[in-house]
């Protein structure tokens, strides 16, 4: 039911494209006789929308942290975000569950402010459930208070360099194409869009420029008649010691799978999970979309449509079971399907599997991840026998050095979040959002120091950055 035929799926798009000939576009460069066509886009002088010290591309967990920290450090800071809200996977992606969040700095501020809004559940120190729309408003307020200028509904479309230093990005939005200049740029797009556009080398999956890679997931919000009646199926209740009850989680996912199976459905994700957000609002995580390149619009579109259809089928199937499932209904699917595995931009250091195995230490360590290796199956057959693997190692807490956040091939460019420089196995640990926030803080303060002193990021010592973070009350 959910295996869409790609040819049929794209047929309407092809028909729409071929109908352009009726508009006379063939006279402007299209050839109706050629199998492949190109359009010679005319050159134009673009308006310079802004000139700042630090420009952050991507307003997810890493991006908001980078922008807030850079602004607090005294840099004129601009944040660009493709969606209609800040927060990325937290908000547009409806993640609702945070891992590896027991860090200094902004993580503690976010926790405190969420608690003031009664917007957090399962208050384990390093992981918890939160209300996505409360997070949207909170992040807007935090960016505004820090003096960050941010623009929503804006996509970074190109990057240009002077010699080897990136100096300008081009955006596309309802306002058209616009140019932005900055002294330092931070790629917090998640998928490494800016780094790739600037010409820095990168990789995806297990290396190279194609999959196999980790699957996508479409998290979904639903309401239920009575959440208490579904307690046996809801994951991550905490025990009296304030720790996530992993035994309960395993039992809950197995029980939830049995109920989906009882509805006559086999989900594409082998560990379907329910999270309680508050009252009778839950998050449903039940699907995988395998081997989708995060930067391929055709593949992402097809994956999103398949995933939404599967989630609706499962929820409707549960509803038909009656009992505690009676009345369950979807209230929101995300603006952006959840992506685990996009481009990793090559930096001046690459975090590797060996770093995790030996618990590497670095003098320029910006964060110490504690979240284990979390490799989701790369195909449905593997998912049936090993939904999640640990990469064949026993991970020890390890350091991510500042050098992994500084682009290798392009000057004036930093990365923060899951697009930093690392290999496939390391990425499967550090990609969670608590680490993304810490990386964003590091990139933000270093970018501010570099911009204000007319240096490049690789010329800034981490000790300088720590001193500034301490002065701002974000360390120590």
Protein backbone atom coordinates (compact mmCIF):
# COMPACT_ATOMS: atom_id res chain seq x y z
CA UNK A 1 0.00 0.00 0.00
CA UNK A 2 2.81 2.38 0.82
CA UNK A 3 5.33 1.47 -1.91
CA UNK A 4 4.66 4.33 -4.28
CA UNK A 5 5.77 3.80 -7.85
CA UNK A 6 8.30 6.55 -8.43
CA UNK A 7 7.40 6.93 -12.10
CA UNK A 8 3.71 7.41 -11.31
CA UNK A 9 4.52 9.65 -8.35
CA UNK A 10 6.53 12.06 -10.51
CA UNK A 11 4.26 11.87 -13.54
CA UNK A 12 2.26 14.97 -12.60
CA UNK A 13 5.50 16.92 -12.21
CA UNK A 14 6.71 15.87 -15.65
CA UNK A 15 3.36 16.78 -17.23
CA UNK A 16 3.49 20.18 -15.56
CA UNK A 17 7.02 20.79 -16.85
CA UNK A 18 6.23 19.83 -20.43
CA UNK A 19 3.24 22.17 -20.47
CA UNK A 20 5.60 25.13 -20.21
CA UNK A 21 6.02 25.04 -23.96
CA UNK A 22 2.57 26.57 -24.21
CA UNK A 23 3.95 29.65 -22.49
CA UNK A 24 6.57 30.23 -25.17
CA UNK A 25 9.47 29.30 -22.92
CA UNK A 26 11.17 27.36 -25.70
CA UNK A 27 12.14 30.71 -27.23
CA UNK A 28 14.07 31.55 -24.05
CA UNK A 29 16.32 28.54 -23.95
CA UNK A 30 14.20 25.41 -23.73
CA UNK A 31 14.50 22.95 -26.61
CA UNK A 32 11.53 20.66 -27.17
CA UNK A 33 13.66 18.27 -29.23
CA UNK A 34 16.36 17.66 -26.62
CA UNK A 35 15.98 14.88 -24.09
CA UNK A 36 17.63 17.00 -21.41
CA UNK A 37 17.12 20.73 -21.20
CA UNK A 38 18.88 23.60 -19.53
CA UNK A 39 17.89 27.19 -18.96
CA UNK A 40 20.56 29.92 -19.19
CA UNK A 41 19.61 31.93 -16.11
CA UNK A 42 20.42 35.60 -16.69
CA UNK A 43 22.98 37.22 -14.42
CA UNK A 44 21.60 39.89 -12.11
CA UNK A 45 22.74 42.31 -9.44
CA UNK A 46 21.23 41.18 -6.15
CA UNK A 47 20.40 43.52 -3.29
CA UNK A 48 22.63 43.08 -0.25
CA UNK A 49 20.11 42.42 2.48
CA UNK A 50 22.58 42.58 5.35
CA UNK A 51 26.22 42.79 6.41
CA UNK A 52 27.00 41.33 9.83
CA UNK A 53 29.80 39.84 11.89
CA UNK A 54 28.37 36.33 12.14
CA UNK A 55 25.78 34.74 9.86
CA UNK A 56 24.23 31.45 10.99
CA UNK A 57 22.46 29.29 8.42
CA UNK A 58 19.87 27.03 10.02
CA UNK A 59 17.78 27.78 13.11
CA UNK A 60 17.67 24.33 14.71
CA UNK A 61 19.17 23.43 18.12
CA UNK A 62 22.74 24.09 16.93
CA UNK A 63 21.82 27.23 15.00
CA UNK A 64 19.89 28.97 17.75
CA UNK A 65 22.69 28.18 20.21
CA UNK A 66 25.32 29.54 17.82
CA UNK A 67 23.35 32.72 17.12
CA UNK A 68 22.45 33.45 20.76
CA UNK A 69 26.02 32.87 21.94
CA UNK A 70 27.56 34.96 19.15
CA UNK A 71 25.19 37.83 19.92
CA UNK A 72 25.85 37.62 23.65
CA UNK A 73 29.56 37.76 22.86
CA UNK A 74 29.04 41.10 21.15
CA UNK A 75 28.82 40.11 17.48
CA UNK A 76 26.24 41.48 15.08
CA UNK A 77 24.44 38.24 14.31
CA UNK A 78 21.97 37.16 11.64
CA UNK A 79 20.14 33.82 11.73
CA UNK A 80 18.46 32.37 8.62
CA UNK A 81 15.88 29.59 8.86
CA UNK A 82 14.03 27.75 6.09
CA UNK A 83 10.91 26.88 8.10
CA UNK A 84 8.26 29.07 9.70
CA UNK A 85 9.66 28.66 13.21
CA UNK A 86 12.94 28.32 15.05
CA UNK A 87 13.96 25.00 16.56
CA UNK A 88 14.44 22.75 13.53
CA UNK A 89 13.94 19.12 14.49
CA UNK A 90 12.67 20.21 17.93
CA UNK A 91 9.73 22.10 16.45
CA UNK A 92 9.31 21.77 12.67
CA UNK A 93 10.30 18.10 13.12
CA UNK A 94 8.15 17.44 16.23
CA UNK A 95 10.98 15.49 17.86
CA UNK A 96 9.51 16.02 21.38
CA UNK A 97 12.24 13.96 23.08
CA UNK A 98 15.69 15.30 23.94
CA UNK A 99 18.84 13.29 24.69
CA UNK A 100 22.28 14.12 26.18
CA UNK A 101 21.05 17.42 27.57
CA UNK A 102 22.88 17.51 30.90
CA UNK A 103 25.38 20.19 29.81
CA UNK A 104 26.39 23.64 31.02
CA UNK A 105 25.24 26.81 29.28
CA UNK A 106 22.12 27.13 27.16
CA UNK A 107 20.85 23.63 27.91
CA UNK A 108 20.34 24.60 31.55
CA UNK A 109 18.67 27.85 30.53
CA UNK A 110 16.29 26.04 28.19
CA UNK A 111 15.39 23.49 30.86
CA UNK A 112 14.69 26.24 33.41
CA UNK A 113 12.51 28.20 31.00
CA UNK A 114 10.58 25.11 29.88
CA UNK A 115 9.88 24.26 33.51
CA UNK A 116 8.64 27.80 34.15
CA UNK A 117 6.10 27.15 31.36
CA UNK A 118 5.22 23.67 32.65
CA UNK A 119 6.32 22.42 29.23
CA UNK A 120 8.57 19.51 30.23
CA UNK A 121 7.84 15.94 31.30
CA UNK A 122 9.93 12.94 32.41
CA UNK A 123 12.50 15.19 34.06
CA UNK A 124 15.55 12.96 33.86
CA UNK A 125 18.73 15.10 33.98
CA UNK A 126 19.92 14.32 30.45
CA UNK A 127 16.67 13.45 28.65
CA UNK A 128 13.07 14.58 28.73
CA UNK A 129 9.84 15.14 26.82
CA UNK A 130 8.79 18.69 25.94
CA UNK A 131 5.92 20.55 24.25
CA UNK A 132 7.03 21.53 20.71
CA UNK A 133 4.98 24.71 20.36
CA UNK A 134 6.12 26.02 23.74
CA UNK A 135 9.66 25.48 22.43
CA UNK A 136 8.89 27.61 19.36
CA UNK A 137 7.85 30.62 21.43
CA UNK A 138 10.71 30.14 23.91
CA UNK A 139 13.40 30.13 21.22
CA UNK A 140 11.96 33.22 19.55
CA UNK A 141 12.05 35.03 22.89
CA UNK A 142 15.61 33.90 23.66
CA UNK A 143 16.91 35.03 20.25
CA UNK A 144 15.12 38.36 20.54
CA UNK A 145 16.44 38.96 24.06
CA UNK A 146 20.01 38.21 22.90
CA UNK A 147 19.75 40.68 20.04
CA UNK A 148 19.80 38.08 17.27
CA UNK A 149 18.20 39.18 14.02
CA UNK A 150 16.43 36.19 12.50
CA UNK A 151 14.54 35.61 9.29
CA UNK A 152 12.15 32.71 8.70
CA UNK A 153 10.95 31.17 5.41
CA UNK A 154 14.39 31.78 3.93
CA UNK A 155 16.52 29.18 2.15
CA UNK A 156 20.27 29.45 1.59
CA UNK A 157 20.70 28.82 -2.13
CA UNK A 158 24.37 29.59 -2.90
CA UNK A 159 27.67 30.66 -1.36
CA UNK A 160 30.55 32.65 -2.86
CA UNK A 161 34.19 33.07 -1.89
CA UNK A 162 36.90 35.67 -2.30
CA UNK A 163 40.02 33.58 -2.91
CA UNK A 164 39.39 30.82 -0.36
CA UNK A 165 37.27 32.68 2.18
CA UNK A 166 33.49 32.54 2.05
CA UNK A 167 32.17 36.12 1.99
CA UNK A 168 28.61 35.96 0.69
CA UNK A 169 25.56 33.72 0.75
CA UNK A 170 22.53 33.99 -1.50
CA UNK A 171 19.06 33.31 -0.15
CA UNK A 172 15.70 32.71 -1.78
CA UNK A 173 12.41 33.66 -0.16
CA UNK A 174 9.15 35.47 -0.82
CA UNK A 175 11.38 38.54 -1.12
CA UNK A 176 13.26 36.97 -4.03
CA UNK A 177 17.00 36.36 -4.27
CA UNK A 178 19.08 38.38 -1.82
CA UNK A 179 22.74 38.54 -0.84
CA UNK A 180 24.15 38.50 2.69
CA UNK A 181 27.71 39.31 3.72
CA UNK A 182 29.48 38.36 6.93
CA UNK A 183 32.93 38.00 8.42
CA UNK A 184 32.27 34.44 9.64
CA UNK A 185 29.61 31.93 8.57
CA UNK A 186 28.24 28.97 10.54
CA UNK A 187 26.63 25.99 8.82
CA UNK A 188 23.94 24.73 11.18
CA UNK A 189 21.67 23.41 8.42
CA UNK A 190 21.93 19.83 9.66
CA UNK A 191 22.52 18.55 6.15
CA UNK A 192 25.65 20.62 5.48
CA UNK A 193 23.99 22.70 2.76
CA UNK A 194 26.19 25.76 3.24
CA UNK A 195 29.42 23.78 3.41
CA UNK A 196 28.60 21.98 0.17
CA UNK A 197 27.56 25.20 -1.57
CA UNK A 198 30.82 26.84 -0.48
CA UNK A 199 32.82 24.02 -2.08
CA UNK A 200 34.05 22.22 1.03
CA UNK A 201 34.41 18.44 0.73
CA UNK A 202 31.89 16.23 2.54
CA UNK A 203 30.53 12.72 2.89
CA UNK A 204 27.31 10.94 3.78
CA UNK A 205 26.46 7.54 5.23
CA UNK A 206 29.42 5.20 5.45
CA UNK A 207 31.52 7.45 3.22
CA UNK A 208 31.30 8.96 -0.23
CA UNK A 209 28.29 10.81 -1.59
CA UNK A 210 25.54 8.20 -1.45
CA UNK A 211 23.78 5.78 0.89
CA UNK A 212 23.50 3.30 2.64
CA UNK A 213 22.72 5.70 5.44
CA UNK A 214 20.49 5.98 8.47
CA UNK A 215 16.73 6.11 7.86
CA UNK A 216 14.30 9.02 8.20
CA UNK A 217 11.37 9.14 10.62
CA UNK A 218 8.16 11.18 10.58
CA UNK A 219 7.24 11.86 14.21
CA UNK A 220 3.56 12.63 14.72
CA UNK A 221 1.41 14.19 17.45
CA UNK A 222 -1.84 12.46 18.40
CA UNK A 223 -4.52 12.77 21.07
CA UNK A 224 -5.90 9.81 22.95
CA UNK A 225 -9.02 9.33 25.03
CA UNK A 226 -7.15 8.56 28.25
CA UNK A 227 -3.33 8.41 28.37
CA UNK A 228 -3.35 6.57 31.71
CA UNK A 229 -5.07 3.62 30.04
CA UNK A 230 -2.16 3.40 27.58
CA UNK A 231 0.55 3.40 30.24
CA UNK A 232 1.84 -0.11 29.34
CA UNK A 233 2.63 1.16 25.82
CA UNK A 234 4.22 4.54 26.70
CA UNK A 235 8.03 4.63 26.90
CA UNK A 236 10.48 6.20 29.32
CA UNK A 237 8.70 6.43 32.60
CA UNK A 238 11.23 7.42 35.24
CA UNK A 239 11.85 5.57 38.46
CA UNK A 240 12.21 6.99 41.97
CA UNK A 241 15.88 7.75 41.35
CA UNK A 242 15.07 10.10 38.47
CA UNK A 243 16.53 7.79 35.83
CA UNK A 244 14.97 6.77 32.55
CA UNK A 245 13.51 3.31 33.06
CA UNK A 246 15.04 1.44 30.13
CA UNK A 247 13.46 -1.87 31.13
CA UNK A 248 10.06 -0.21 30.96
CA UNK A 249 10.98 1.29 27.56
CA UNK A 250 11.83 -2.12 26.11
CA UNK A 251 8.62 -3.66 27.44
CA UNK A 252 6.56 -0.71 26.23
CA UNK A 253 7.91 -0.84 22.66
CA UNK A 254 7.30 -4.59 22.47
CA UNK A 255 3.78 -4.14 23.79
CA UNK A 256 3.11 -1.29 21.36
CA UNK A 257 4.41 -3.41 18.47
CA UNK A 258 2.04 -6.23 19.49
CA UNK A 259 -0.91 -3.83 19.36
CA UNK A 260 0.05 -2.57 15.90
CA UNK A 261 0.43 -6.16 14.76
CA UNK A 262 -2.98 -6.96 16.27
CA UNK A 263 -4.36 -4.26 13.98
CA UNK A 264 -2.95 -6.29 11.06
CA UNK A 265 -0.02 -3.97 10.36
CA UNK A 266 3.76 -4.45 10.40
CA UNK A 267 5.41 -1.03 10.88
CA UNK A 268 8.58 -0.14 9.00
CA UNK A 269 10.33 0.65 12.32
CA UNK A 270 11.08 -2.31 14.55
CA UNK A 271 10.81 -0.35 17.82
CA UNK A 272 7.61 1.72 17.55
CA UNK A 273 7.42 4.15 20.43
CA UNK A 274 4.86 6.31 22.23
CA UNK A 275 5.92 9.33 24.29
CA UNK A 276 3.55 11.20 26.61
CA UNK A 277 3.89 14.96 26.12
CA UNK A 278 1.19 16.05 28.56
CA UNK A 279 -2.40 15.27 29.49
CA UNK A 280 -3.72 13.14 26.59
CA UNK A 281 -1.25 14.38 23.97
CA UNK A 282 1.28 11.79 22.75
CA UNK A 283 4.00 11.55 20.13
CA UNK A 284 3.89 8.54 17.82
CA UNK A 285 7.18 7.27 16.33
CA UNK A 286 6.48 4.23 14.15
CA UNK A 287 8.16 4.53 10.77
CA UNK A 288 11.47 4.36 8.92
CA UNK A 289 12.24 5.57 5.40
CA UNK A 290 15.37 3.77 4.23
CA UNK A 291 18.36 5.06 2.25
CA UNK A 292 17.06 8.51 1.42
CA UNK A 293 19.61 11.20 0.55
CA UNK A 294 18.83 14.22 2.69
CA UNK A 295 19.75 16.62 -0.12
CA UNK A 296 17.64 14.99 -2.87
CA UNK A 297 14.27 16.79 -3.12
CA UNK A 298 12.64 13.97 -5.12
CA UNK A 299 13.64 11.33 -2.58
CA UNK A 300 12.65 13.46 0.43
CA UNK A 301 9.27 14.22 -1.12
CA UNK A 302 8.49 10.57 -1.81
CA UNK A 303 9.69 9.53 1.63
CA UNK A 304 7.52 12.14 3.34
CA UNK A 305 4.39 11.05 1.45
CA UNK A 306 5.02 7.37 2.17
CA UNK A 307 5.73 8.04 5.83
CA UNK A 308 2.63 10.16 6.38
CA UNK A 309 0.47 7.48 4.74
CA UNK A 310 1.99 4.78 6.94
CA UNK A 311 1.52 6.75 10.16
CA UNK A 312 -2.12 7.49 9.35
CA UNK A 313 -2.73 3.83 8.50
CA UNK A 314 -1.27 2.72 11.83
CA UNK A 315 -3.20 5.25 13.91
CA UNK A 316 -6.46 4.41 12.13
CA UNK A 317 -5.75 0.72 12.66
CA UNK A 318 -5.20 1.27 16.38
CA UNK A 319 -8.42 3.24 16.61
CA UNK A 320 -10.35 0.32 15.14
CA UNK A 321 -9.06 -1.92 17.95
CA UNK A 322 -11.21 0.04 20.38
CA UNK A 323 -10.61 -0.23 24.09
CA UNK A 324 -7.90 2.21 25.24
CA UNK A 325 -7.19 3.05 21.58
CA UNK A 326 -10.71 4.25 20.87
CA UNK A 327 -10.68 7.85 19.69
CA UNK A 328 -6.94 8.13 19.01
CA UNK A 329 -6.40 10.63 16.21
CA UNK A 330 -3.56 12.56 14.63
CA UNK A 331 -3.49 16.27 15.38
CA UNK A 332 -0.25 17.24 13.60
CA UNK A 333 2.40 15.77 11.33
CA UNK A 334 5.71 17.62 11.09
CA UNK A 335 6.68 20.31 8.62
CA UNK A 336 9.97 18.44 8.12
CA UNK A 337 10.52 14.69 8.18
CA UNK A 338 13.20 13.77 10.71
CA UNK A 339 16.64 13.28 9.14
CA UNK A 340 19.36 11.40 10.98
CA UNK A 341 22.08 11.20 8.34
CA UNK A 342 22.90 14.17 6.06
CA UNK A 343 26.19 15.54 4.80
CA UNK A 344 29.14 15.64 7.18
CA UNK A 345 31.40 18.55 6.23
CA UNK A 346 35.10 17.74 6.37
CA UNK A 347 36.87 19.74 9.06
CA UNK A 348 40.35 20.20 10.45
CA UNK A 349 39.74 17.14 12.63
CA UNK A 350 37.48 14.14 12.03
CA UNK A 351 35.82 12.49 15.04
CA UNK A 352 36.10 8.74 14.53
CA UNK A 353 34.90 5.42 15.86
CA UNK A 354 38.29 5.01 17.54
CA UNK A 355 37.75 8.24 19.50
CA UNK A 356 34.58 6.76 20.96
CA UNK A 357 36.18 3.41 21.76
CA UNK A 358 39.07 4.96 23.68
CA UNK A 359 37.23 7.96 25.16
CA UNK A 360 39.43 10.55 23.39
CA UNK A 361 40.45 13.74 25.21
CA UNK A 362 41.40 17.06 23.58
CA UNK A 363 42.63 20.38 24.95
CA UNK A 364 40.19 22.17 22.65
CA UNK A 365 37.21 20.00 23.63
CA UNK A 366 33.93 21.85 23.12
CA UNK A 367 31.61 19.08 24.39
CA UNK A 368 31.82 15.56 25.84
CA UNK A 369 29.00 13.39 24.42
CA UNK A 370 27.66 10.60 26.61
CA UNK A 371 24.92 9.30 24.29
CA UNK A 372 25.77 5.86 22.92
CA UNK A 373 26.16 4.83 19.29
CA UNK A 374 22.66 4.67 17.80
CA UNK A 375 22.72 3.21 14.28
CA UNK A 376 19.25 2.51 12.92
CA UNK A 377 18.93 -0.28 10.35
CA UNK A 378 19.68 0.80 6.78
CA UNK A 379 17.03 -1.44 5.20
CA UNK A 380 13.80 -3.15 6.17
CA UNK A 381 15.25 -6.65 6.18
CA UNK A 382 17.97 -5.67 8.66
CA UNK A 383 15.34 -3.85 10.73
CA UNK A 384 13.56 -7.16 11.29
CA UNK A 385 16.59 -8.66 13.06
CA UNK A 386 18.57 -5.66 14.39
CA UNK A 387 16.62 -2.41 14.45
CA UNK A 388 19.42 -0.53 16.23
CA UNK A 389 23.10 -1.44 16.47
CA UNK A 390 25.96 0.00 18.53
CA UNK A 391 28.63 -0.01 15.83
CA UNK A 392 30.56 -2.93 17.26
CA UNK A 393 32.13 -0.89 20.07
CA UNK A 394 31.54 -0.06 23.70
CA UNK A 395 31.51 3.73 23.71
CA UNK A 396 33.22 5.78 26.38
CA UNK A 397 32.41 9.49 26.85
CA UNK A 398 34.70 11.31 24.42
CA UNK A 399 35.66 14.85 23.44
CA UNK A 400 34.72 16.69 20.26
CA UNK A 401 37.50 19.20 19.53
CA UNK A 402 36.95 22.69 18.16
CA UNK A 403 38.88 21.64 15.04
CA UNK A 404 35.99 19.35 14.02
CA UNK A 405 33.79 22.46 13.84
CA UNK A 406 36.11 24.37 11.47
CA UNK A 407 35.90 23.68 7.75
CA UNK A 408 38.94 22.03 6.18
CA UNK A 409 38.80 23.45 2.65
CA UNK A 410 37.11 26.85 3.07
CA UNK A 411 38.18 29.71 5.33
CA UNK A 412 35.70 31.65 7.43
CA UNK A 413 33.32 28.70 7.69
CA UNK A 414 32.34 26.75 10.81
CA UNK A 415 29.87 23.93 11.42
CA UNK A 416 27.65 23.06 14.36
CA UNK A 417 25.29 20.14 14.96
CA UNK A 418 25.14 16.87 13.06
CA UNK A 419 26.97 18.25 9.98
CA UNK A 420 30.33 18.59 11.78
CA UNK A 421 33.35 16.53 10.75
CA UNK A 422 33.02 12.92 11.85
CA UNK A 423 32.71 9.39 10.56
CA UNK A 424 29.54 7.32 10.32
CA UNK A 425 29.82 5.62 13.73
CA UNK A 426 30.84 8.73 15.67
CA UNK A 427 28.05 10.70 14.05
CA UNK A 428 25.55 8.12 15.33
CA UNK A 429 26.46 9.21 18.86
CA UNK A 430 27.05 12.98 18.73
CA UNK A 431 24.11 13.79 16.43
CA UNK A 432 21.56 14.12 19.27
CA UNK A 433 20.43 17.62 20.14
CA UNK A 434 22.02 18.13 23.55
CA UNK A 435 25.40 17.89 21.84
CA UNK A 436 24.18 20.09 18.98
CA UNK A 437 23.44 22.91 21.42
CA UNK A 438 26.90 22.66 22.97
CA UNK A 439 28.53 22.66 19.54
CA UNK A 440 26.45 25.69 18.58
CA UNK A 441 27.66 27.59 21.65
CA UNK A 442 31.28 26.81 20.76
CA UNK A 443 30.91 27.84 17.12
CA UNK A 444 29.05 30.98 18.09
CA UNK A 445 31.60 32.29 20.57
CA UNK A 446 34.60 31.44 18.35
CA UNK A 447 32.92 33.06 15.34
CA UNK A 448 32.26 36.21 17.38
CA UNK A 449 35.86 36.39 18.58
CA UNK A 450 37.18 35.87 15.05
CA UNK A 451 34.88 38.46 13.49
CA UNK A 452 35.53 41.14 16.11
CA UNK A 453 39.31 40.70 15.95
CA UNK A 454 39.54 40.31 12.15
CA UNK A 455 40.82 36.75 12.43
CA UNK A 456 39.69 33.47 10.95
CA UNK A 457 38.10 30.85 13.21
CA UNK A 458 41.13 28.55 13.11
CA UNK A 459 43.25 31.41 14.48
CA UNK A 460 41.18 31.65 17.70
CA UNK A 461 42.37 29.66 20.70
CA UNK A 462 39.71 27.66 22.54
CA UNK A 463 40.97 29.08 25.83
CA UNK A 464 39.87 32.54 24.63
CA UNK A 465 36.41 31.19 23.93
CA UNK A 466 36.14 29.51 27.34
CA UNK A 467 37.03 32.81 29.02
CA UNK A 468 34.20 34.55 27.19
CA UNK A 469 31.71 31.79 27.94
CA UNK A 470 32.69 31.96 31.62
CA UNK A 471 32.23 35.72 31.65
CA UNK A 472 28.76 35.24 30.11
CA UNK A 473 27.87 32.75 32.84
CA UNK A 474 27.69 29.84 30.40
CA UNK A 475 30.63 27.96 31.91
CA UNK A 476 32.04 27.48 35.38
